[in-house]
Amino acid sequence: MGLTTPGARRSWRVERQQKLVHARVLEHLERLRLGHLAELLDAMLAEAARGEPTYLDLLDALLREEVGARHRKRVSMGITIAHFPTVKTLEDFDFKAQPAVDQKLVRELAKAESEGALKDKLNYFARPKLLVVDGLGYLPFEKRSARLFFQLVARHYEKGSMLVTTNQMVGQ
């Protein structure tokens, strides 16, 4: 039987304890259905060991990854359920073919939504005394666009006048 030093025994105990804690953390992540975090845990811990983030920075990075993964999964699931023939993004939209669509405004609203500032941007557009919406119904609304338009109308309601032009019949 070989002789071990007290330092080697302590190191072995610390390593064993870390493995137990790691296994327990993975189990907790799985029970909380944070599977994406469980997959990324080792890589993110290694990255954190290279830098020196605070606990809050590490937690923020872990949660940001999980939220991003869930958002991507939700979008992918929605596209699958909708049975879209192709997936198109805002970058794929041909603004030249639809000159009535204000490219700058659409991109501004999309940017505001991605930054979490959509509420402020909608309030900004709802401020005018007269809000003019020209060509409503010229193009069909996607669900998301219809929801955003409804939010704009709801915010402007009883705060100012609204003029809407359309080439559609009232029942459409």
Protein backbone atom coordinates (compact mmCIF):
# COMPACT_ATOMS: atom_id res chain seq x y z
CA MET A 1 0.00 0.00 0.00
CA GLY A 2 1.47 3.34 -1.03
CA LEU A 3 1.89 6.26 1.26
CA THR A 4 -0.09 9.39 0.54
CA THR A 5 0.52 12.83 1.90
CA PRO A 6 -2.19 14.79 3.69
CA GLY A 7 -2.16 17.29 0.83
CA ALA A 8 -2.84 14.56 -1.76
CA ARG A 9 -5.72 13.17 0.33
CA ARG A 10 -7.22 16.65 0.69
CA SER A 11 -6.88 17.26 -3.06
CA TRP A 12 -8.59 13.93 -3.78
CA ARG A 13 -11.46 14.83 -1.38
CA VAL A 14 -11.92 18.28 -2.95
CA GLU A 15 -11.96 16.79 -6.45
CA ARG A 16 -14.49 14.16 -5.39
CA GLN A 17 -16.69 16.79 -3.72
CA GLN A 18 -16.58 18.96 -6.86
CA LYS A 19 -17.69 16.00 -8.98
CA LEU A 20 -20.61 15.36 -6.62
CA VAL A 21 -21.65 19.03 -6.73
CA HIS A 22 -21.33 19.03 -10.53
CA ALA A 23 -23.55 15.94 -10.79
CA ARG A 24 -26.08 17.51 -8.40
CA VAL A 25 -26.16 20.76 -10.44
CA LEU A 26 -26.74 18.78 -13.65
CA GLU A 27 -29.56 16.87 -11.96
CA HIS A 28 -31.16 20.13 -10.80
CA LEU A 29 -30.91 21.62 -14.29
CA GLU A 30 -32.61 18.56 -15.77
CA ARG A 31 -35.36 18.56 -13.12
CA LEU A 32 -35.99 22.26 -13.81
CA ARG A 33 -36.10 21.43 -17.53
CA LEU A 34 -33.09 23.60 -18.27
CA GLY A 35 -31.62 21.06 -20.67
CA HIS A 36 -29.79 23.61 -22.81
CA LEU A 37 -27.94 24.88 -19.73
CA ALA A 38 -27.06 21.33 -18.76
CA GLU A 39 -25.50 20.83 -22.21
CA LEU A 40 -23.52 24.09 -22.02
CA LEU A 41 -22.55 23.96 -18.35
CA ASP A 42 -19.04 22.51 -18.74
CA ALA A 43 -18.10 24.84 -21.60
CA MET A 44 -19.42 27.90 -19.79
CA LEU A 45 -17.67 26.95 -16.54
CA ALA A 46 -14.40 26.50 -18.45
CA GLU A 47 -14.88 29.89 -20.09
CA ALA A 48 -15.63 31.46 -16.70
CA ALA A 49 -12.47 29.88 -15.26
CA ARG A 50 -10.37 31.53 -18.01
CA GLY A 51 -11.85 34.95 -17.28
CA GLU A 52 -12.86 36.17 -13.87
CA PRO A 53 -16.56 36.98 -14.09
CA THR A 54 -18.59 37.72 -11.00
CA TYR A 55 -21.20 35.20 -9.94
CA LEU A 56 -23.85 37.54 -11.30
CA ASP A 57 -22.09 37.77 -14.69
CA LEU A 58 -21.89 33.97 -14.92
CA LEU A 59 -25.55 33.58 -13.93
CA ASP A 60 -26.52 36.24 -16.49
CA ALA A 61 -24.61 34.43 -19.25
CA LEU A 62 -26.16 31.08 -18.33
CA LEU A 63 -29.70 32.46 -18.24
CA ARG A 64 -29.19 34.44 -21.47
CA GLU A 65 -28.20 31.20 -23.20
CA GLU A 66 -31.25 29.36 -21.88
CA VAL A 67 -33.66 32.17 -22.82
CA GLY A 68 -32.12 32.34 -26.30
CA ALA A 69 -32.41 28.58 -26.77
CA ARG A 70 -36.04 28.59 -25.66
CA HIS A 71 -36.85 31.50 -27.99
CA ARG A 72 -35.21 29.73 -30.94
CA LYS A 73 -37.09 26.52 -30.10
CA ARG A 74 -40.42 28.39 -29.80
CA VAL A 75 -39.91 30.10 -33.18
CA SER A 76 -38.87 26.83 -34.81
CA MET A 77 -41.90 25.05 -33.35
CA GLY A 78 -44.22 27.83 -34.53
CA ILE A 79 -42.82 27.64 -38.05
CA THR A 80 -43.23 23.86 -38.05
CA ILE A 81 -46.82 24.06 -36.79
CA ALA A 82 -47.68 26.76 -39.34
CA HIS A 83 -46.46 24.52 -42.20
CA PHE A 84 -44.81 27.44 -43.98
CA PRO A 85 -43.43 26.35 -47.35
CA THR A 86 -40.29 28.43 -46.79
CA VAL A 87 -38.91 30.44 -43.92
CA LYS A 88 -38.42 34.12 -44.64
CA THR A 89 -36.94 36.78 -42.44
CA LEU A 90 -37.10 40.55 -42.51
CA GLU A 91 -33.81 40.50 -44.44
CA ASP A 92 -35.52 38.42 -47.17
CA PHE A 93 -38.33 40.95 -47.66
CA ASP A 94 -38.19 42.79 -51.01
CA PHE A 95 -38.96 46.39 -50.07
CA LYS A 96 -38.54 47.49 -53.70
CA ALA A 97 -41.47 45.28 -54.73
CA GLN A 98 -43.62 46.92 -52.05
CA PRO A 99 -42.78 50.65 -52.17
CA ALA A 100 -45.70 51.50 -49.86
CA VAL A 101 -43.94 49.73 -46.98
CA ASP A 102 -41.63 52.09 -45.11
CA GLN A 103 -38.41 50.08 -44.81
CA LYS A 104 -36.90 52.42 -42.23
CA LEU A 105 -39.99 52.22 -40.01
CA VAL A 106 -40.23 48.43 -40.25
CA ARG A 107 -36.55 48.00 -39.35
CA GLU A 108 -36.88 50.55 -36.54
CA LEU A 109 -39.81 48.62 -35.02
CA ALA A 110 -38.03 45.27 -35.43
CA LYS A 111 -34.91 46.68 -33.75
CA ALA A 112 -37.01 48.14 -30.92
CA GLU A 113 -38.71 44.77 -30.41
CA SER A 114 -35.40 42.88 -30.31
CA GLU A 115 -33.99 45.37 -27.79
CA GLY A 116 -37.08 45.16 -25.60
CA ALA A 117 -38.02 48.79 -26.32
CA LEU A 118 -41.10 48.14 -28.45
CA LYS A 119 -43.47 49.63 -25.87
CA ASP A 120 -41.59 52.95 -25.92
CA LYS A 121 -41.47 52.97 -29.74
CA LEU A 122 -45.20 52.27 -30.01
CA ASN A 123 -45.89 55.06 -27.51
CA TYR A 124 -43.75 57.37 -29.66
CA PHE A 125 -45.81 56.58 -32.78
CA ALA A 126 -49.09 56.85 -30.85
CA ARG A 127 -48.30 60.41 -29.70
CA PRO A 128 -49.38 62.43 -32.76
CA LYS A 129 -52.76 64.18 -32.72
CA LEU A 130 -53.50 62.64 -36.12
CA LEU A 131 -52.18 59.22 -37.01
CA VAL A 132 -52.50 58.41 -40.72
CA VAL A 133 -52.45 54.78 -41.83
CA ASP A 134 -52.49 54.65 -45.62
CA GLY A 135 -53.21 51.51 -47.61
CA LEU A 136 -54.41 49.26 -44.80
CA GLY A 137 -55.19 45.85 -46.24
CA TYR A 138 -53.04 46.38 -49.34
CA LEU A 139 -50.93 43.52 -48.05
CA PRO A 140 -52.17 40.78 -45.74
CA PHE A 141 -51.00 41.01 -42.14
CA GLU A 142 -48.99 38.27 -40.51
CA LYS A 143 -50.18 37.46 -36.99
CA ARG A 144 -47.22 39.31 -35.47
CA SER A 145 -47.77 42.38 -37.64
CA ALA A 146 -51.49 42.40 -36.88
CA ARG A 147 -50.73 42.20 -33.17
CA LEU A 148 -48.28 45.11 -33.40
CA PHE A 149 -50.78 47.17 -35.40
CA PHE A 150 -53.50 46.45 -32.85
CA GLN A 151 -51.16 47.57 -30.04
CA LEU A 152 -50.49 50.82 -31.91
CA VAL A 153 -54.22 51.47 -32.42
CA ALA A 154 -55.00 50.58 -28.80
CA ARG A 155 -52.33 52.99 -27.52
CA HIS A 156 -53.61 55.79 -29.76
CA TYR A 157 -57.27 55.18 -28.85
CA GLU A 158 -58.89 58.26 -27.19
CA LYS A 159 -55.61 60.19 -27.39
CA GLY A 160 -55.93 61.51 -30.91
CA SER A 161 -57.56 61.09 -34.28
CA MET A 162 -56.78 58.31 -36.68
CA LEU A 163 -57.24 58.34 -40.45
CA VAL A 164 -57.20 54.96 -42.17
CA THR A 165 -57.35 54.48 -45.94
CA THR A 166 -57.90 51.11 -47.54
CA ASN A 167 -59.01 49.58 -50.81
CA GLN A 168 -60.81 46.75 -48.97
CA MET A 169 -64.54 46.47 -48.29
CA VAL A 170 -65.58 46.92 -44.66
CA GLY A 171 -66.45 43.22 -44.28
CA GLN A 172 -62.98 42.05 -45.35
